[in-house]
Amino acid sequence: MLNIKERETGDETVLDLEGSVVLGSGAAELRSALRRLAETDKNRVTINFASVKYIDSSGVGELINAAAKFNNAGGNLKLKNLPPKVEQVLSLSNVLSMFEIEE
């Protein structure tokens, strides 16, 4: 299960995630939140992974799709506070370089 809390900081939207971004509800919930932001022209998004336990390939796919959407709209998708397991999955998937990473 994935809990998502949304907050605004200036012209940027921050999504604070808690749980796992995996096939099924977690990845679907993230997709829904990111799609809603894209549809409302909120295209500067930071995802805070501080409380994420794990991400699988479906979660990685959602991040890649969202990054492409936001970049095409003139915005960007940043990842913040990556736990070691999440960073490892993104690194093994060869997608870390697609994102701006914040600590």
PDB file of N, CA and C in Angstrom:
ATOM      1  N   MET A   1       0.835  -1.183   0.000  1.00  0.00           N
ATOM      2  CA  MET A   1       0.000   0.000   0.000  1.00  0.00           C
ATOM      3  C   MET A   1       0.880   1.246   0.000  1.00  0.00           C
ATOM      4  N   LEU A   2       0.399   2.285  -0.669  1.00  0.00           N
ATOM      5  CA  LEU A   2       1.142   3.530  -0.770  1.00  0.00           C
ATOM      6  C   LEU A   2       0.260   4.680  -0.334  1.00  0.00           C
ATOM      7  N   ASN A   3       0.767   5.488   0.581  1.00  0.00           N
ATOM      8  CA  ASN A   3       0.099   6.717   0.984  1.00  0.00           C
ATOM      9  C   ASN A   3       0.822   7.880   0.335  1.00  0.00           C
ATOM     10  N   ILE A   4       0.051   8.825  -0.219  1.00  0.00           N
ATOM     11  CA  ILE A   4       0.624   9.984  -0.890  1.00  0.00           C
ATOM     12  C   ILE A   4       0.036  11.243  -0.272  1.00  0.00           C
ATOM     13  N   LYS A   5       0.910  12.108   0.201  1.00  0.00           N
ATOM     14  CA  LYS A   5       0.497  13.414   0.702  1.00  0.00           C
ATOM     15  C   LYS A   5       1.061  14.464  -0.243  1.00  0.00           C
ATOM     16  N   GLU A   6       0.216  15.381  -0.646  1.00  0.00           N
ATOM     17  CA  GLU A   6       0.607  16.416  -1.597  1.00  0.00           C
ATOM     18  C   GLU A   6       0.691  17.760  -0.889  1.00  0.00           C
ATOM     19  N   ARG A   7       1.745  18.513  -1.230  1.00  0.00           N
ATOM     20  CA  ARG A   7       1.892  19.870  -0.683  1.00  0.00           C
ATOM     21  C   ARG A   7       2.546  20.757  -1.727  1.00  0.00           C
ATOM     22  N   GLU A   8       2.293  22.041  -1.599  1.00  0.00           N
ATOM     23  CA  GLU A   8       2.843  23.027  -2.528  1.00  0.00           C
ATOM     24  C   GLU A   8       3.970  23.796  -1.843  1.00  0.00           C
ATOM     25  N   THR A   9       5.065  23.998  -2.565  1.00  0.00           N
ATOM     26  CA  THR A   9       6.156  24.855  -2.098  1.00  0.00           C
ATOM     27  C   THR A   9       6.514  25.776  -3.256  1.00  0.00           C
ATOM     28  N   GLY A  10       5.981  26.991  -3.199  1.00  0.00           N
ATOM     29  CA  GLY A  10       6.192  27.923  -4.307  1.00  0.00           C
ATOM     30  C   GLY A  10       5.485  27.419  -5.547  1.00  0.00           C
ATOM     31  N   ASP A  11       6.227  27.325  -6.649  1.00  0.00           N
ATOM     32  CA  ASP A  11       5.633  26.847  -7.905  1.00  0.00           C
ATOM     33  C   ASP A  11       5.848  25.352  -8.118  1.00  0.00           C
ATOM     34  N   GLU A  12       6.189  24.654  -7.051  1.00  0.00           N
ATOM     35  CA  GLU A  12       6.496  23.235  -7.138  1.00  0.00           C
ATOM     36  C   GLU A  12       5.523  22.442  -6.265  1.00  0.00           C
ATOM     37  N   THR A  13       5.164  21.258  -6.748  1.00  0.00           N
ATOM     38  CA  THR A  13       4.330  20.340  -5.979  1.00  0.00           C
ATOM     39  C   THR A  13       5.210  19.212  -5.458  1.00  0.00           C
ATOM     40  N   VAL A  14       5.093  18.929  -4.172  1.00  0.00           N
ATOM     41  CA  VAL A  14       5.857  17.840  -3.555  1.00  0.00           C
ATOM     42  C   VAL A  14       4.888  16.727  -3.191  1.00  0.00           C
ATOM     43  N   LEU A  15       5.241  15.516  -3.607  1.00  0.00           N
ATOM     44  CA  LEU A  15       4.483  14.329  -3.215  1.00  0.00           C
ATOM     45  C   LEU A  15       5.320  13.560  -2.201  1.00  0.00           C
ATOM     46  N   ASP A  16       4.820  13.465  -0.977  1.00  0.00           N
ATOM     47  CA  ASP A  16       5.480  12.695   0.071  1.00  0.00           C
ATOM     48  C   ASP A  16       4.891  11.288   0.047  1.00  0.00           C
ATOM     49  N   LEU A  17       5.717  10.312  -0.280  1.00  0.00           N
ATOM     50  CA  LEU A  17       5.256   8.928  -0.378  1.00  0.00           C
ATOM     51  C   LEU A  17       5.599   8.153   0.886  1.00  0.00           C
ATOM     52  N   GLU A  18       4.709   7.223   1.238  1.00  0.00           N
ATOM     53  CA  GLU A  18       4.963   6.333   2.369  1.00  0.00           C
ATOM     54  C   GLU A  18       4.437   4.948   2.017  1.00  0.00           C
ATOM     55  N   GLY A  19       5.322   3.959   2.042  1.00  0.00           N
ATOM     56  CA  GLY A  19       4.928   2.594   1.715  1.00  0.00           C
ATOM     57  C   GLY A  19       5.799   2.039   0.617  1.00  0.00           C
ATOM     58  N   SER A  20       5.191   1.303  -0.315  1.00  0.00           N
ATOM     59  CA  SER A  20       5.921   0.684  -1.415  1.00  0.00           C
ATOM     60  C   SER A  20       5.278   1.057  -2.746  1.00  0.00           C
ATOM     61  N   VAL A  21       6.121   1.291  -3.745  1.00  0.00           N
ATOM     62  CA  VAL A  21       5.650   1.617  -5.089  1.00  0.00           C
ATOM     63  C   VAL A  21       5.846   0.357  -5.923  1.00  0.00           C
ATOM     64  N   VAL A  22       4.835  -0.503  -5.904  1.00  0.00           N
ATOM     65  CA  VAL A  22       4.940  -1.813  -6.536  1.00  0.00           C
ATOM     66  C   VAL A  22       3.710  -2.070  -7.399  1.00  0.00           C
ATOM     67  N   LEU A  23       3.814  -3.118  -8.222  1.00  0.00           N
ATOM     68  CA  LEU A  23       2.723  -3.512  -9.101  1.00  0.00           C
ATOM     69  C   LEU A  23       1.436  -3.619  -8.299  1.00  0.00           C
ATOM     70  N   GLY A  24       0.395  -3.073  -8.824  1.00  0.00           N
ATOM     71  CA  GLY A  24      -0.880  -3.079  -8.125  1.00  0.00           C
ATOM     72  C   GLY A  24      -1.191  -1.701  -7.604  1.00  0.00           C
ATOM     73  N   SER A  25      -1.644  -1.634  -6.386  1.00  0.00           N
ATOM     74  CA  SER A  25      -2.150  -0.373  -5.862  1.00  0.00           C
ATOM     75  C   SER A  25      -1.089   0.719  -5.756  1.00  0.00           C
ATOM     76  N   GLY A  26       0.122   0.414  -5.333  1.00  0.00           N
ATOM     77  CA  GLY A  26       1.140   1.451  -5.142  1.00  0.00           C
ATOM     78  C   GLY A  26       1.488   2.186  -6.415  1.00  0.00           C
ATOM     79  N   ALA A  27       1.808   1.450  -7.462  1.00  0.00           N
ATOM     80  CA  ALA A  27       2.159   2.072  -8.737  1.00  0.00           C
ATOM     81  C   ALA A  27       0.941   2.767  -9.343  1.00  0.00           C
ATOM     82  N   ALA A  28      -0.226   2.172  -9.199  1.00  0.00           N
ATOM     83  CA  ALA A  28      -1.449   2.769  -9.737  1.00  0.00           C
ATOM     84  C   ALA A  28      -1.782   4.078  -9.028  1.00  0.00           C
ATOM     85  N   GLU A  29      -1.600   4.113  -7.723  1.00  0.00           N
ATOM     86  CA  GLU A  29      -1.867   5.341  -6.968  1.00  0.00           C
ATOM     87  C   GLU A  29      -0.901   6.444  -7.376  1.00  0.00           C
ATOM     88  N   LEU A  30       0.368   6.096  -7.562  1.00  0.00           N
ATOM     89  CA  LEU A  30       1.349   7.085  -7.995  1.00  0.00           C
ATOM     90  C   LEU A  30       0.998   7.584  -9.397  1.00  0.00           C
ATOM     91  N   ARG A  31       0.644   6.677 -10.303  1.00  0.00           N
ATOM     92  CA  ARG A  31       0.258   7.059 -11.664  1.00  0.00           C
ATOM     93  C   ARG A  31      -0.913   8.038 -11.633  1.00  0.00           C
ATOM     94  N   SER A  32      -1.910   7.741 -10.823  1.00  0.00           N
ATOM     95  CA  SER A  32      -3.093   8.590 -10.720  1.00  0.00           C
ATOM     96  C   SER A  32      -2.731   9.988 -10.226  1.00  0.00           C
ATOM     97  N   ALA A  33      -1.907  10.058  -9.194  1.00  0.00           N
ATOM     98  CA  ALA A  33      -1.509  11.356  -8.642  1.00  0.00           C
ATOM     99  C   ALA A  33      -0.708  12.166  -9.659  1.00  0.00           C
ATOM    100  N   LEU A  34       0.233  11.520 -10.344  1.00  0.00           N
ATOM    101  CA  LEU A  34       1.061  12.218 -11.322  1.00  0.00           C
ATOM    102  C   LEU A  34       0.243  12.644 -12.538  1.00  0.00           C
ATOM    103  N   ARG A  35      -0.673  11.809 -12.967  1.00  0.00           N
ATOM    104  CA  ARG A  35      -1.546  12.155 -14.105  1.00  0.00           C
ATOM    105  C   ARG A  35      -2.409  13.359 -13.765  1.00  0.00           C
ATOM    106  N   ARG A  36      -2.967  13.372 -12.560  1.00  0.00           N
ATOM    107  CA  ARG A  36      -3.806  14.494 -12.132  1.00  0.00           C
ATOM    108  C   ARG A  36      -3.003  15.795 -12.130  1.00  0.00           C
ATOM    109  N   LEU A  37      -1.768  15.744 -11.641  1.00  0.00           N
ATOM    110  CA  LEU A  37      -0.929  16.945 -11.641  1.00  0.00           C
ATOM    111  C   LEU A  37      -0.652  17.413 -13.066  1.00  0.00           C
ATOM    112  N   ALA A  38      -0.341  16.481 -13.959  1.00  0.00           N
ATOM    113  CA  ALA A  38      -0.058  16.844 -15.352  1.00  0.00           C
ATOM    114  C   ALA A  38      -1.289  17.473 -16.010  1.00  0.00           C
ATOM    115  N   GLU A  39      -2.452  16.952 -15.710  1.00  0.00           N
ATOM    116  CA  GLU A  39      -3.691  17.475 -16.300  1.00  0.00           C
ATOM    117  C   GLU A  39      -4.050  18.857 -15.777  1.00  0.00           C
ATOM    118  N   THR A  40      -3.550  19.220 -14.610  1.00  0.00           N
ATOM    119  CA  THR A  40      -3.830  20.542 -14.043  1.00  0.00           C
ATOM    120  C   THR A  40      -2.651  21.497 -14.230  1.00  0.00           C
ATOM    121  N   ASP A  41      -1.766  21.136 -15.163  1.00  0.00           N
ATOM    122  CA  ASP A  41      -0.610  21.969 -15.516  1.00  0.00           C
ATOM    123  C   ASP A  41       0.349  22.218 -14.364  1.00  0.00           C
ATOM    124  N   LYS A  42       0.366  21.324 -13.401  1.00  0.00           N
ATOM    125  CA  LYS A  42       1.376  21.369 -12.341  1.00  0.00           C
ATOM    126  C   LYS A  42       2.507  20.464 -12.800  1.00  0.00           C
ATOM    127  N   ASN A  43       3.469  21.059 -13.516  1.00  0.00           N
ATOM    128  CA  ASN A  43       4.485  20.241 -14.166  1.00  0.00           C
ATOM    129  C   ASN A  43       5.871  20.362 -13.537  1.00  0.00           C
ATOM    130  N   ARG A  44       5.941  20.935 -12.352  1.00  0.00           N
ATOM    131  CA  ARG A  44       7.184  20.935 -11.576  1.00  0.00           C
ATOM    132  C   ARG A  44       6.907  20.140 -10.307  1.00  0.00           C
ATOM    133  N   VAL A  45       7.401  18.905 -10.299  1.00  0.00           N
ATOM    134  CA  VAL A  45       7.035  17.964  -9.238  1.00  0.00           C
ATOM    135  C   VAL A  45       8.288  17.357  -8.615  1.00  0.00           C
ATOM    136  N   THR A  46       8.279  17.273  -7.294  1.00  0.00           N
ATOM    137  CA  THR A  46       9.313  16.548  -6.555  1.00  0.00           C
ATOM    138  C   THR A  46       8.634  15.410  -5.806  1.00  0.00           C
ATOM    139  N   ILE A  47       9.203  14.231  -5.933  1.00  0.00           N
ATOM    140  CA  ILE A  47       8.685  13.078  -5.191  1.00  0.00           C
ATOM    141  C   ILE A  47       9.656  12.780  -4.059  1.00  0.00           C
ATOM    142  N   ASN A  48       9.142  12.844  -2.836  1.00  0.00           N
ATOM    143  CA  ASN A  48       9.937  12.580  -1.641  1.00  0.00           C
ATOM    144  C   ASN A  48       9.795  11.101  -1.266  1.00  0.00           C
ATOM    145  N   PHE A  49      10.896  10.362  -1.399  1.00  0.00           N
ATOM    146  CA  PHE A  49      10.907   8.922  -1.149  1.00  0.00           C
ATOM    147  C   PHE A  49      11.366   8.565   0.270  1.00  0.00           C
ATOM    148  N   ALA A  50      11.475   9.528   1.170  1.00  0.00           N
ATOM    149  CA  ALA A  50      12.042   9.281   2.501  1.00  0.00           C
ATOM    150  C   ALA A  50      11.385   8.109   3.224  1.00  0.00           C
ATOM    151  N   SER A  51      10.084   7.902   3.034  1.00  0.00           N
ATOM    152  CA  SER A  51       9.371   6.832   3.748  1.00  0.00           C
ATOM    153  C   SER A  51       8.960   5.687   2.833  1.00  0.00           C
ATOM    154  N   VAL A  52       9.665   5.526   1.713  1.00  0.00           N
ATOM    155  CA  VAL A  52       9.356   4.429   0.790  1.00  0.00           C
ATOM    156  C   VAL A  52      10.244   3.244   1.119  1.00  0.00           C
ATOM    157  N   LYS A  53       9.618   2.078   1.247  1.00  0.00           N
ATOM    158  CA  LYS A  53      10.356   0.867   1.590  1.00  0.00           C
ATOM    159  C   LYS A  53      10.939   0.184   0.363  1.00  0.00           C
ATOM    160  N   TYR A  54      10.191   0.214  -0.768  1.00  0.00           N
ATOM    161  CA  TYR A  54      10.641  -0.516  -1.949  1.00  0.00           C
ATOM    162  C   TYR A  54       9.937   0.024  -3.188  1.00  0.00           C
ATOM    163  N   ILE A  55      10.602  -0.098  -4.323  1.00  0.00           N
ATOM    164  CA  ILE A  55      10.004   0.208  -5.617  1.00  0.00           C
ATOM    165  C   ILE A  55      10.350  -0.945  -6.553  1.00  0.00           C
ATOM    166  N   ASP A  56       9.383  -1.367  -7.374  1.00  0.00           N
ATOM    167  CA  ASP A  56       9.662  -2.431  -8.341  1.00  0.00           C
ATOM    168  C   ASP A  56       9.636  -1.852  -9.755  1.00  0.00           C
ATOM    169  N   SER A  57       9.741  -2.716 -10.746  1.00  0.00           N
ATOM    170  CA  SER A  57       9.840  -2.250 -12.132  1.00  0.00           C
ATOM    171  C   SER A  57       8.599  -1.486 -12.590  1.00  0.00           C
ATOM    172  N   SER A  58       7.432  -1.828 -12.070  1.00  0.00           N
ATOM    173  CA  SER A  58       6.231  -1.077 -12.462  1.00  0.00           C
ATOM    174  C   SER A  58       6.285   0.341 -11.899  1.00  0.00           C
ATOM    175  N   GLY A  59       6.807   0.495 -10.699  1.00  0.00           N
ATOM    176  CA  GLY A  59       6.988   1.835 -10.131  1.00  0.00           C
ATOM    177  C   GLY A  59       8.011   2.635 -10.912  1.00  0.00           C
ATOM    178  N   VAL A  60       9.100   1.982 -11.319  1.00  0.00           N
ATOM    179  CA  VAL A  60      10.126   2.643 -12.139  1.00  0.00           C
ATOM    180  C   VAL A  60       9.506   3.098 -13.453  1.00  0.00           C
ATOM    181  N   GLY A  61       8.680   2.253 -14.047  1.00  0.00           N
ATOM    182  CA  GLY A  61       8.003   2.614 -15.296  1.00  0.00           C
ATOM    183  C   GLY A  61       7.123   3.833 -15.141  1.00  0.00           C
ATOM    184  N   GLU A  62       6.417   3.930 -14.025  1.00  0.00           N
ATOM    185  CA  GLU A  62       5.570   5.106 -13.770  1.00  0.00           C
ATOM    186  C   GLU A  62       6.420   6.371 -13.675  1.00  0.00           C
ATOM    187  N   LEU A  63       7.578   6.274 -13.023  1.00  0.00           N
ATOM    188  CA  LEU A  63       8.467   7.436 -12.918  1.00  0.00           C
ATOM    189  C   LEU A  63       8.974   7.864 -14.288  1.00  0.00           C
ATOM    190  N   ILE A  64       9.351   6.901 -15.125  1.00  0.00           N
ATOM    191  CA  ILE A  64       9.854   7.217 -16.467  1.00  0.00           C
ATOM    192  C   ILE A  64       8.768   7.893 -17.298  1.00  0.00           C
ATOM    193  N   ASN A  65       7.553   7.340 -17.276  1.00  0.00           N
ATOM    194  CA  ASN A  65       6.444   7.933 -18.034  1.00  0.00           C
ATOM    195  C   ASN A  65       6.131   9.343 -17.556  1.00  0.00           C
ATOM    196  N   ALA A  66       6.109   9.536 -16.244  1.00  0.00           N
ATOM    197  CA  ALA A  66       5.807  10.855 -15.694  1.00  0.00           C
ATOM    198  C   ALA A  66       6.898  11.856 -16.045  1.00  0.00           C
ATOM    199  N   ALA A  67       8.157  11.443 -15.954  1.00  0.00           N
ATOM    200  CA  ALA A  67       9.258  12.342 -16.291  1.00  0.00           C
ATOM    201  C   ALA A  67       9.136  12.812 -17.735  1.00  0.00           C
ATOM    202  N   ALA A  68       8.791  11.906 -18.635  1.00  0.00           N
ATOM    203  CA  ALA A  68       8.626  12.277 -20.044  1.00  0.00           C
ATOM    204  C   ALA A  68       7.487  13.277 -20.211  1.00  0.00           C
ATOM    205  N   LYS A  69       6.361  13.041 -19.544  1.00  0.00           N
ATOM    206  CA  LYS A  69       5.218  13.959 -19.635  1.00  0.00           C
ATOM    207  C   LYS A  69       5.579  15.351 -19.132  1.00  0.00           C
ATOM    208  N   PHE A  70       6.195  15.404 -17.950  1.00  0.00           N
ATOM    209  CA  PHE A  70       6.520  16.704 -17.363  1.00  0.00           C
ATOM    210  C   PHE A  70       7.584  17.431 -18.182  1.00  0.00           C
ATOM    211  N   ASN A  71       8.583  16.708 -18.682  1.00  0.00           N
ATOM    212  CA  ASN A  71       9.618  17.326 -19.508  1.00  0.00           C
ATOM    213  C   ASN A  71       9.028  17.869 -20.802  1.00  0.00           C
ATOM    214  N   ASN A  72       8.120  17.119 -21.431  1.00  0.00           N
ATOM    215  CA  ASN A  72       7.477  17.579 -22.663  1.00  0.00           C
ATOM    216  C   ASN A  72       6.606  18.809 -22.438  1.00  0.00           C
ATOM    217  N   ALA A  73       6.127  18.981 -21.212  1.00  0.00           N
ATOM    218  CA  ALA A  73       5.293  20.136 -20.873  1.00  0.00           C
ATOM    219  C   ALA A  73       6.130  21.300 -20.360  1.00  0.00           C
ATOM    220  N   GLY A  74       7.454  21.186 -20.432  1.00  0.00           N
ATOM    221  CA  GLY A  74       8.326  22.266 -19.979  1.00  0.00           C
ATOM    222  C   GLY A  74       8.611  22.254 -18.497  1.00  0.00           C
ATOM    223  N   GLY A  75       8.263  21.180 -17.825  1.00  0.00           N
ATOM    224  CA  GLY A  75       8.502  21.070 -16.393  1.00  0.00           C
ATOM    225  C   GLY A  75       9.587  20.054 -16.103  1.00  0.00           C
ATOM    226  N   ASN A  76       9.545  19.511 -14.901  1.00  0.00           N
ATOM    227  CA  ASN A  76      10.509  18.472 -14.548  1.00  0.00           C
ATOM    228  C   ASN A  76       9.997  17.648 -13.372  1.00  0.00           C
ATOM    229  N   LEU A  77      10.606  16.489 -13.216  1.00  0.00           N
ATOM    230  CA  LEU A  77      10.297  15.583 -12.114  1.00  0.00           C
ATOM    231  C   LEU A  77      11.588  15.326 -11.362  1.00  0.00           C
ATOM    232  N   LYS A  78      11.595  15.685 -10.077  1.00  0.00           N
ATOM    233  CA  LYS A  78      12.772  15.469  -9.229  1.00  0.00           C
ATOM    234  C   LYS A  78      12.465  14.360  -8.236  1.00  0.00           C
ATOM    235  N   LEU A  79      13.500  13.642  -7.848  1.00  0.00           N
ATOM    236  CA  LEU A  79      13.388  12.615  -6.821  1.00  0.00           C
ATOM    237  C   LEU A  79      14.206  13.062  -5.624  1.00  0.00           C
ATOM    238  N   LYS A  80      13.670  12.848  -4.440  1.00  0.00           N
ATOM    239  CA  LYS A  80      14.313  13.360  -3.228  1.00  0.00           C
ATOM    240  C   LYS A  80      14.351  12.275  -2.158  1.00  0.00           C
ATOM    241  N   ASN A  81      15.439  12.280  -1.370  1.00  0.00           N
ATOM    242  CA  ASN A  81      15.579  11.389  -0.207  1.00  0.00           C
ATOM    243  C   ASN A  81      15.419   9.909  -0.572  1.00  0.00           C
ATOM    244  N   LEU A  82      16.207   9.459  -1.539  1.00  0.00           N
ATOM    245  CA  LEU A  82      16.106   8.064  -1.970  1.00  0.00           C
ATOM    246  C   LEU A  82      16.735   7.128  -0.937  1.00  0.00           C
ATOM    247  N   PRO A  83      15.947   6.198  -0.383  1.00  0.00           N
ATOM    248  CA  PRO A  83      16.531   5.183   0.492  1.00  0.00           C
ATOM    249  C   PRO A  83      17.453   4.278  -0.337  1.00  0.00           C
ATOM    250  N   PRO A  84      18.413   3.619   0.301  1.00  0.00           N
ATOM    251  CA  PRO A  84      19.365   2.773  -0.435  1.00  0.00           C
ATOM    252  C   PRO A  84      18.707   1.737  -1.344  1.00  0.00           C
ATOM    253  N   LYS A  85      17.645   1.065  -0.887  1.00  0.00           N
ATOM    254  CA  LYS A  85      16.995   0.046  -1.714  1.00  0.00           C
ATOM    255  C   LYS A  85      16.356   0.654  -2.960  1.00  0.00           C
ATOM    256  N   VAL A  86      15.747   1.813  -2.812  1.00  0.00           N
ATOM    257  CA  VAL A  86      15.119   2.484  -3.953  1.00  0.00           C
ATOM    258  C   VAL A  86      16.189   2.953  -4.928  1.00  0.00           C
ATOM    259  N   GLU A  87      17.244   3.546  -4.408  1.00  0.00           N
ATOM    260  CA  GLU A  87      18.333   3.997  -5.270  1.00  0.00           C
ATOM    261  C   GLU A  87      18.967   2.824  -6.020  1.00  0.00           C
ATOM    262  N   GLN A  88      19.096   1.695  -5.347  1.00  0.00           N
ATOM    263  CA  GLN A  88      19.680   0.510  -5.975  1.00  0.00           C
ATOM    264  C   GLN A  88      18.820   0.032  -7.146  1.00  0.00           C
ATOM    265  N   VAL A  89      17.500  -0.022  -6.958  1.00  0.00           N
ATOM    266  CA  VAL A  89      16.612  -0.454  -8.036  1.00  0.00           C
ATOM    267  C   VAL A  89      16.693   0.512  -9.215  1.00  0.00           C
ATOM    268  N   LEU A  90      16.696   1.813  -8.943  1.00  0.00           N
ATOM    269  CA  LEU A  90      16.792   2.801 -10.019  1.00  0.00           C
ATOM    270  C   LEU A  90      18.141   2.712 -10.728  1.00  0.00           C
ATOM    271  N   SER A  91      19.190   2.460  -9.970  1.00  0.00           N
ATOM    272  CA  SER A  91      20.524   2.322 -10.556  1.00  0.00           C
ATOM    273  C   SER A  91      20.610   1.079 -11.432  1.00  0.00           C
ATOM    274  N   LEU A  92      20.116  -0.050 -10.929  1.00  0.00           N
ATOM    275  CA  LEU A  92      20.136  -1.291 -11.701  1.00  0.00           C
ATOM    276  C   LEU A  92      19.265  -1.197 -12.953  1.00  0.00           C
ATOM    277  N   SER A  93      18.256  -0.327 -12.903  1.00  0.00           N
ATOM    278  CA  SER A  93      17.375  -0.112 -14.055  1.00  0.00           C
ATOM    279  C   SER A  93      17.965   0.895 -15.041  1.00  0.00           C
ATOM    280  N   ASN A  94      19.125   1.446 -14.700  1.00  0.00           N
ATOM    281  CA  ASN A  94      19.809   2.436 -15.547  1.00  0.00           C
ATOM    282  C   ASN A  94      18.957   3.671 -15.844  1.00  0.00           C
ATOM    283  N   VAL A  95      18.217   4.153 -14.838  1.00  0.00           N
ATOM    284  CA  VAL A  95      17.362   5.330 -15.056  1.00  0.00           C
ATOM    285  C   VAL A  95      17.711   6.501 -14.137  1.00  0.00           C
ATOM    286  N   LEU A  96      18.661   6.339 -13.239  1.00  0.00           N
ATOM    287  CA  LEU A  96      18.997   7.430 -12.316  1.00  0.00           C
ATOM    288  C   LEU A  96      19.357   8.711 -13.049  1.00  0.00           C
ATOM    289  N   SER A  97      20.039   8.594 -14.170  1.00  0.00           N
ATOM    290  CA  SER A  97      20.486   9.789 -14.897  1.00  0.00           C
ATOM    291  C   SER A  97      19.332  10.557 -15.539  1.00  0.00           C
ATOM    292  N   MET A  98      18.134   9.951 -15.590  1.00  0.00           N
ATOM    293  CA  MET A  98      16.970  10.632 -16.152  1.00  0.00           C
ATOM    294  C   MET A  98      16.398  11.678 -15.222  1.00  0.00           C
ATOM    295  N   PHE A  99      16.796  11.631 -13.958  1.00  0.00           N
ATOM    296  CA  PHE A  99      16.151  12.455 -12.942  1.00  0.00           C
ATOM    297  C   PHE A  99      17.160  13.349 -12.233  1.00  0.00           C
ATOM    298  N   GLU A 100      16.664  14.494 -11.774  1.00  0.00           N
ATOM    299  CA  GLU A 100      17.444  15.313 -10.854  1.00  0.00           C
ATOM    300  C   GLU A 100      17.201  14.717  -9.462  1.00  0.00           C
ATOM    301  N   ILE A 101      18.272  14.416  -8.754  1.00  0.00           N
ATOM    302  CA  ILE A 101      18.174  13.782  -7.446  1.00  0.00           C
ATOM    303  C   ILE A 101      18.552  14.798  -6.370  1.00  0.00           C
ATOM    304  N   GLU A 102      17.692  14.954  -5.365  1.00  0.00           N
ATOM    305  CA  GLU A 102      17.968  15.826  -4.224  1.00  0.00           C
ATOM    306  C   GLU A 102      18.106  14.972  -2.976  1.00  0.00           C
ATOM    307  N   GLU A 103      18.943  15.429  -2.062  1.00  0.00           N
ATOM    308  CA  GLU A 103      19.079  14.743  -0.769  1.00  0.00           C
ATOM    309  C   GLU A 103      18.201  15.405   0.260  1.00  0.00           C
TER     310      GLU A 103
END
